[in-house]
Each structure stands twice: as C-alpha cells, then as structure tokens.
Protein backbone atom coordinates (compact mmCIF):
# COMPACT_ATOMS: atom_id res chain seq x y z
CA MET A 1 -20.14 -2.42 15.13
CA ASN A 2 -24.22 -2.76 13.25
CA ILE A 3 -24.28 -6.80 13.20
CA LYS A 4 -25.74 -6.28 9.42
CA ASN A 5 -22.70 -4.03 8.38
CA VAL A 6 -20.14 -5.08 6.08
CA TYR A 7 -17.11 -2.86 5.33
CA ILE A 8 -14.57 -3.93 2.12
CA LEU A 9 -11.02 -3.31 2.93
CA ASP A 10 -9.67 -2.61 -0.29
CA ASP A 11 -6.42 -1.65 1.06
CA ARG A 12 -5.35 -5.08 2.06
CA ALA A 13 -3.84 -7.27 0.07
CA ILE A 14 -3.16 -11.17 0.20
CA LEU A 15 -0.08 -13.21 -0.12
CA TYR A 16 -0.11 -17.24 -0.19
CA ILE A 17 3.05 -18.91 1.06
CA ASN A 18 3.16 -22.27 0.04
CA GLY A 19 5.61 -25.73 0.11
CA GLU A 20 7.14 -27.98 1.82
CA ASP A 21 9.08 -25.83 3.80
CA ALA A 22 6.74 -23.34 4.13
CA LYS A 23 6.12 -23.37 7.74
CA GLU A 24 9.68 -24.15 9.12
CA PHE A 25 10.39 -20.80 7.03
CA LEU A 26 7.66 -18.77 8.61
CA GLN A 27 8.53 -20.12 12.07
CA ASN A 28 12.07 -18.77 11.36
CA LEU A 29 10.85 -15.16 10.53
CA ILE A 30 8.09 -14.10 12.17
CA THR A 31 7.40 -12.88 15.92
CA ASN A 32 4.49 -15.30 16.60
CA ASP A 33 4.14 -19.11 16.91
CA ILE A 34 3.59 -20.49 13.39
CA ASN A 35 2.04 -23.71 15.54
CA LYS A 36 -0.66 -21.71 16.75
CA VAL A 37 -2.06 -21.40 13.53
CA SER A 38 -4.27 -23.91 12.26
CA GLU A 39 -7.58 -24.66 10.69
CA VAL A 40 -9.08 -23.38 13.60
CA ASN A 41 -6.88 -20.77 15.05
CA SER A 42 -5.26 -17.64 13.47
CA CYS A 43 -2.69 -15.20 14.33
CA PHE A 44 -1.33 -11.67 14.25
CA SER A 45 2.39 -11.23 13.66
CA SER A 46 5.32 -9.35 12.35
CA LEU A 47 8.62 -9.32 10.35
CA LEU A 48 11.14 -7.20 12.20
CA THR A 49 14.79 -5.42 11.58
CA PRO A 50 17.69 -7.40 12.90
CA GLN A 51 17.84 -4.63 15.59
CA GLY A 52 14.10 -5.33 16.41
CA LYS A 53 12.65 -2.24 14.46
CA PHE A 54 8.99 -2.64 12.82
CA LEU A 55 8.96 -3.74 9.45
CA TYR A 56 5.57 -5.81 8.79
CA GLU A 57 2.50 -6.53 10.10
CA PHE A 58 0.30 -9.34 9.03
CA ILE A 59 -2.52 -11.63 10.02
CA ILE A 60 -1.58 -15.06 9.28
CA ILE A 61 -4.48 -17.99 8.16
CA LYS A 62 -4.04 -21.59 7.74
CA HIS A 63 -5.52 -22.06 4.12
CA LYS A 64 -5.18 -25.25 2.31
CA SER A 65 -1.60 -26.99 2.15
CA GLY A 66 -0.23 -23.39 3.01
CA TYR A 67 -0.77 -19.89 4.99
CA ILE A 68 -2.64 -16.49 3.68
CA LEU A 69 -0.98 -13.57 4.85
CA ASP A 70 -3.48 -10.54 5.22
CA CYS A 71 -1.27 -7.53 4.88
CA GLU A 72 -1.46 -3.64 4.22
CA LYS A 73 -1.89 -3.37 0.38
CA PRO A 74 1.25 -0.23 0.66
CA GLN A 75 3.47 -2.82 2.64
CA ALA A 76 2.21 -5.73 0.72
CA GLU A 77 5.29 -5.24 -2.34
CA GLU A 78 7.89 -4.86 -0.05
CA LEU A 79 6.75 -7.59 1.96
CA PHE A 80 6.93 -9.56 -0.75
CA LYS A 81 10.11 -8.89 -1.74
CA GLN A 82 11.83 -9.29 1.97
CA LEU A 83 10.32 -12.65 2.12
CA SER A 84 12.00 -13.70 -1.32
CA LEU A 85 14.94 -12.31 0.08
CA TYR A 86 14.61 -14.62 3.13
CA LYS A 87 14.02 -17.65 0.97
CA LEU A 88 17.26 -18.56 -0.24
CA ARG A 89 17.28 -22.76 -1.04
CA SER A 90 14.00 -23.14 0.81
CA LYS A 91 11.25 -25.25 -0.79
CA VAL A 92 8.75 -22.14 -0.85
CA GLU A 93 6.54 -20.64 -3.17
CA ILE A 94 5.72 -16.78 -2.47
CA LEU A 95 2.58 -15.89 -4.37
CA ASN A 96 0.53 -12.59 -4.26
CA LEU A 97 -3.04 -13.09 -4.91
CA SER A 98 -3.96 -9.46 -4.37
CA ASN A 99 -5.88 -9.34 -7.62
CA GLU A 100 -8.12 -12.61 -6.61
CA PHE A 101 -9.21 -12.67 -3.49
CA VAL A 102 -10.50 -9.59 -1.02
CA VAL A 103 -10.92 -9.31 2.73
CA ALA A 104 -14.51 -8.04 4.52
CA ALA A 105 -14.90 -7.20 7.80
CA PHE A 106 -18.06 -7.14 10.10
CA SER A 107 -18.91 -7.31 13.65
CA HIS A 108 -18.12 -9.73 16.15
CA GLU A 109 -21.67 -10.19 17.22
CA LYS A 110 -22.51 -11.40 13.16
CA PHE A 111 -19.11 -14.08 13.77
CA LEU A 112 -20.89 -15.55 17.04
CA THR A 113 -23.72 -16.73 14.52
CA PHE A 114 -21.97 -19.42 12.75
CA ASP A 115 -21.89 -22.32 13.60
CA GLY A 116 -18.65 -23.25 15.23
CA ALA A 117 -17.89 -19.81 16.21
CA LYS A 118 -16.14 -19.54 19.68
CA ASP A 119 -15.68 -16.22 21.00
CA GLN A 120 -12.04 -16.04 21.11
CA PRO A 121 -9.55 -14.20 19.14
CA GLY A 122 -8.26 -15.70 16.35
CA CYS A 123 -10.97 -18.34 16.05
CA THR A 124 -11.25 -19.21 13.04
CA ILE A 125 -14.06 -21.55 10.78
CA LYS A 126 -14.88 -21.97 7.35
CA TYR A 127 -18.01 -20.45 5.33
CA ARG A 128 -18.40 -22.30 2.16
CA GLU A 129 -14.48 -23.30 2.15
CA ASP A 130 -13.11 -19.38 2.73
CA PRO A 131 -11.49 -18.80 6.06
CA ILE A 132 -13.73 -16.53 8.35
CA PHE A 133 -12.11 -15.33 11.56
CA LEU A 134 -12.24 -13.65 14.77
CA ASP A 135 -9.25 -10.60 14.47
CA PRO A 136 -6.63 -12.05 16.67
CA ARG A 137 -5.44 -8.84 17.52
CA ASN A 138 -8.74 -7.20 19.67
CA LYS A 139 -12.20 -9.33 18.90
CA ASP A 140 -13.51 -5.91 19.13
CA LEU A 141 -12.25 -5.07 15.77
CA GLY A 142 -14.92 -8.10 14.50
CA ALA A 143 -14.17 -11.06 12.09
CA ARG A 144 -12.98 -10.99 8.57
CA LEU A 145 -13.77 -13.16 5.75
CA ILE A 146 -11.40 -13.67 3.02
CA ILE A 147 -13.10 -14.41 -0.18
CA ASN A 148 -12.42 -14.87 -4.10
CA LEU A 149 -13.43 -11.48 -5.27
CA GLU A 150 -16.02 -13.04 -7.79
CA LYS A 151 -17.67 -14.87 -4.86
CA LEU A 152 -18.04 -12.19 -2.74
CA TYR A 153 -21.02 -10.33 -3.32
CA LEU A 154 -23.28 -13.14 -3.45
CA SER A 155 -21.75 -14.73 -0.26
CA LEU A 156 -22.51 -10.71 1.45
CA LYS A 157 -26.09 -11.00 0.04
CA LYS A 158 -26.81 -14.81 1.67
CA LEU A 159 -24.74 -13.87 4.84
CA ASP A 160 -27.39 -10.62 5.02
CA LEU A 161 -24.73 -8.42 5.42
CA HIS A 162 -24.75 -4.87 3.57
CA ASP A 163 -21.67 -2.70 2.39
CA ALA A 164 -20.48 0.09 4.87
CA LYS A 165 -18.33 2.96 4.64
CA LEU A 166 -14.58 1.92 5.18
CA GLU A 167 -14.33 5.10 7.61
CA GLU A 168 -16.56 3.81 10.26
CA TYR A 169 -14.37 0.84 10.78
CA TYR A 170 -10.78 2.72 10.53
CA SER A 171 -12.31 5.08 13.36
CA LEU A 172 -13.02 2.09 14.78
CA SER A 173 -9.81 0.31 15.10
CA HIS A 174 -7.95 4.23 15.54
CA SER A 175 -10.51 4.44 18.87
CA LEU A 176 -9.62 0.90 20.37
CA GLY A 177 -5.47 1.70 19.70
CA ILE A 178 -5.25 -0.06 16.82
CA VAL A 179 -3.03 1.33 13.43
CA PRO A 180 -5.87 0.73 10.57
CA LYS A 181 -3.54 2.33 8.24
CA ASP A 182 -0.43 3.85 6.60
CA LEU A 183 1.75 1.54 8.89
CA ASN A 184 4.71 2.27 6.34
CA LYS A 185 4.77 5.56 8.55
CA LEU A 186 6.19 3.27 11.33
CA LYS A 187 8.74 1.41 9.70
CA ASP A 188 12.48 1.18 11.22
CA LYS A 189 11.39 4.37 13.59
CA LEU A 190 10.19 1.95 17.00
CA PHE A 191 10.69 -1.69 18.53
CA GLY A 192 8.11 -4.01 17.53
CA ILE A 193 7.32 -4.77 21.17
CA GLU A 194 6.95 -0.54 21.30
CA CYS A 195 4.13 -1.36 18.73
CA ASN A 196 1.93 -2.93 21.69
CA PHE A 197 2.24 -6.24 19.26
CA GLU A 198 2.81 -8.24 22.72
CA GLU A 199 -0.81 -6.79 24.01
CA LEU A 200 -1.93 -7.48 20.61
CA ASN A 201 -1.33 -11.82 20.50
CA GLY A 202 1.60 -10.70 18.09
CA ILE A 203 4.29 -11.76 19.72
CA ASP A 204 5.42 -15.08 21.18
CA PHE A 205 8.42 -14.51 23.85
CA LYS A 206 8.61 -18.83 24.36
CA LYS A 207 9.21 -19.40 20.77
CA GLY A 208 13.01 -20.09 18.93
CA CYS A 209 14.89 -17.65 17.32
CA TYR A 210 13.09 -15.42 14.77
CA VAL A 211 14.73 -12.11 12.84
CA GLY A 212 14.97 -9.01 15.70
CA GLN A 213 14.01 -11.46 18.76
CA GLU A 214 17.38 -10.73 20.42
CA ASN A 215 16.79 -7.22 21.22
CA THR A 216 12.95 -8.00 21.94
CA ALA A 217 13.60 -9.93 24.28
CA ARG A 218 16.03 -7.58 26.20
CA ILE A 219 13.70 -4.88 26.25
CA LYS A 220 10.77 -7.64 27.95
CA LEU A 221 13.11 -9.32 30.15
CA LYS A 222 15.04 -6.02 31.45
CA ASN A 223 11.61 -4.31 31.64
CA LYS A 224 13.42 -1.31 29.65
CA LEU A 225 9.96 -0.59 27.81
CA SER A 226 9.27 3.11 28.19
CA LYS A 227 7.53 4.33 25.00
CA ARG A 228 4.28 3.01 23.53
CA LEU A 229 2.51 3.57 20.10
CA PHE A 230 -0.73 5.24 21.26
CA PRO A 231 -3.82 7.01 19.03
CA VAL A 232 -3.91 10.80 19.08
CA ASN A 233 -6.96 13.12 18.88
CA VAL A 234 -6.32 16.73 17.28
CA ILE A 235 -8.26 19.22 19.27
CA ASN A 236 -7.58 21.85 17.17
CA GLY A 237 -4.48 22.88 14.47
CA LYS A 238 -2.70 20.59 12.35
CA ILE A 239 -0.18 17.63 13.38
CA HIS A 240 3.08 16.92 11.00
CA GLU A 241 4.94 13.50 10.72
CA GLY A 242 8.42 13.73 12.96
CA GLU A 243 7.18 16.77 15.02
CA SER A 244 7.68 16.62 18.98
CA ILE A 245 4.58 16.67 21.57
CA TYR A 246 5.14 18.53 24.45
CA ASN A 247 3.23 18.77 27.91
CA ASN A 248 4.26 21.88 29.84
CA GLU A 249 7.21 22.48 27.28
CA ILE A 250 8.75 19.08 28.28
CA GLU A 251 9.05 16.38 25.29
CA ILE A 252 6.84 13.03 26.00
CA GLY A 253 6.44 12.04 22.46
CA LYS A 254 6.48 12.46 18.66
CA ILE A 255 4.52 12.11 15.95
CA LEU A 256 4.64 9.18 13.65
CA ILE A 257 1.60 9.08 11.91
CA ASP A 258 -0.10 12.70 10.87
CA SER A 259 -3.17 11.51 8.74
CA ASP A 260 -6.82 10.79 9.33
CA TYR A 261 -5.99 8.29 12.03
CA PRO A 262 -2.40 9.53 14.07
CA PHE A 263 -0.52 7.75 15.93
CA ALA A 264 2.62 8.99 18.19
CA LEU A 265 5.79 7.52 20.04
CA ILE A 266 4.73 8.13 23.75
CA LYS A 267 7.42 8.30 26.65
CA TYR A 268 3.99 7.07 28.66
CA LEU A 269 5.88 6.26 32.02
CA ASN A 270 7.51 9.56 31.93
CA GLU A 271 5.87 11.80 34.85
CA ASN A 272 5.43 14.86 32.10
CA PHE A 273 2.73 12.55 30.53
CA ASP A 274 -0.65 13.07 31.40
CA GLU A 275 -3.48 11.04 29.16
CA LYS A 276 -5.97 13.66 30.57
CA ALA A 277 -3.99 16.76 29.32
CA ASN A 278 -4.42 18.20 26.57
CA LEU A 279 -0.70 18.20 24.90
CA LYS A 280 0.73 20.91 22.60
CA THR A 281 2.85 20.18 18.96
CA LYS A 282 3.77 23.34 16.96
CA GLU A 283 0.67 24.17 15.35
CA ALA A 284 -1.79 22.07 17.33
CA SER A 285 -3.99 21.11 20.47
CA ILE A 286 -3.60 17.13 20.69
CA ASN A 287 -4.50 14.34 23.62
CA VAL A 288 -3.90 10.91 23.84
CA ASN A 289 -5.85 7.87 24.11
CA LYS A 290 -4.08 5.45 25.81
CA PRO A 291 -6.19 1.91 25.17
CA ASP A 292 -7.52 0.24 27.88
CA TRP A 293 -5.52 -3.30 26.89
CA ILE A 294 -2.86 -1.37 28.28
CA LYS A 295 -2.25 -2.28 31.69
CA ASN A 296 0.87 -0.57 32.99
C-alpha cells in the first residue's frame, strides 16, 4: 500500500449507538469485550445468531459519548433493525449516519507518522476531532479515518493523501484472507468462529455471555473447529456460490462468496486438503490461500 494512497470506502456505513445503557447494551450482544474500546483503542467484533452462526461484523470506535459501528453498507439496514429489536427498554439511541460520514483507508506506514500513533492493531488517535485507527483485525490492512463528508477532501489534501482505486484495497484484503465485501453471502452459513474471528481479534473468550456464546465456546473448548473461511484464487473457469470443491474427487469445501474476491469454507484439517494443490469445482480449477496468520 503506497504511503500517499487513500481509498474512499464508499461501501461502508456508519451506525452510532449512544445513550445511558449503550455500553451494557453492546456488551450483552457482541462477540468482543466492549471494555477494550476507548479513546485510544478500537476493536473488531460481530453479532451472531443464538446458535453462533455469522450475521454481521463491524469495527467499534469510541466517539464522544457513544460508539461508532463501521460496517459494510449492504449489511447496515438489517444490522440497524437487529440492534433495534434487542433494544427493548434499554436507554439507547441507534442512528444511521451513513449519509453524513465516510470511511477512508490508508497505509500502516502513513498511520505511524501521526503523533501518538502506536504500532498495534486497534490503536486510535484523533485528527482534528476525527478518529483514526489502525485496523484492529490486521495492521497490514492499514488505518481508517472516519470523517464528516464535507470535511473529507480538505483533510485528505492537508494529509497529502491521494485517491486511489478501491480495487487495490479489496485485492489487498483478499490476499490477506480478510473478506472485503459481500458479507451477506455468509449470513447463517457458517459459525462465527469459522470466519477466523478469534485470529482477527474479534472474539473474547473471557468475557461474559453474548448472543451465540454457548456454541462458540463449545467449538473452541472441545477443539471442534475443523472448517475455516479461506480466500480462493480462480485459475480458470467460473465458480458459483454454494458449489462443492474437490481434491481428487473428495469434497473438501464449498464456495460461499463467488464474486471478484471469492471465499470458501474449507475442511482445512481434512487429510485430503492440500493448500498447494489445484482443486476443482464443476466448471473451474482453483487454489486456496491459507493465510499465514492461521497457525493450525
């Protein structure tokens, strides 16, 4: 990622959760520990089904008296509705501020030039009252600035950042093994822990109960994690959502995201899985990229 490049993430949305009960409200729902979120640290988290299946993911940033949720725009409306359902009598206000704020991403190297910046995922500083944070999932994805749309281009000019093609950022995310878009294609199709949320700093196994906690903890404690979400590279042909992946006619996975940045749920501990092999679907030859941050 070039130190002068900035990527305007127009596929991201901003929800804002405020109110007397905001902290407790989020703590009872999300997979991570809201106590990690402060003026100097942001975190990655998710919202699961009661069975522990994936629904939504987001980055949480402390802002003023509440919390910003940086989420994928196609998920924002349903996430807003889901949070509103859980609200009940909690003293919480949930706002969709996506028309007012924008998310911009830039390099890890650029982030470290700011006063107060630390080389640790989630490190958060302020630039003219706007939060800037090193991506809490993986610092190689760089940093993000959340800013009012009206202030965006003047701030980018002052920071000597120049608009670059969003596809470059998507490709980087895909190569790192982090889903950049099309998250709705994963909904209810795999467990949150199979999305590698533990390795991406998105699950806290020491916090109290949250939605989907029981199955998530059981899979972890009983060492039942046998499938993981990995990025796919298409060598030739065409892949389709939901189709099986084979190695020597043995099924070892399934395509879940079939767009420009595809991902598959892979039986990565299966003896028939070989990350160096060319695998097959009905119409394509593919290989699977096991991220180097997956240690087992």
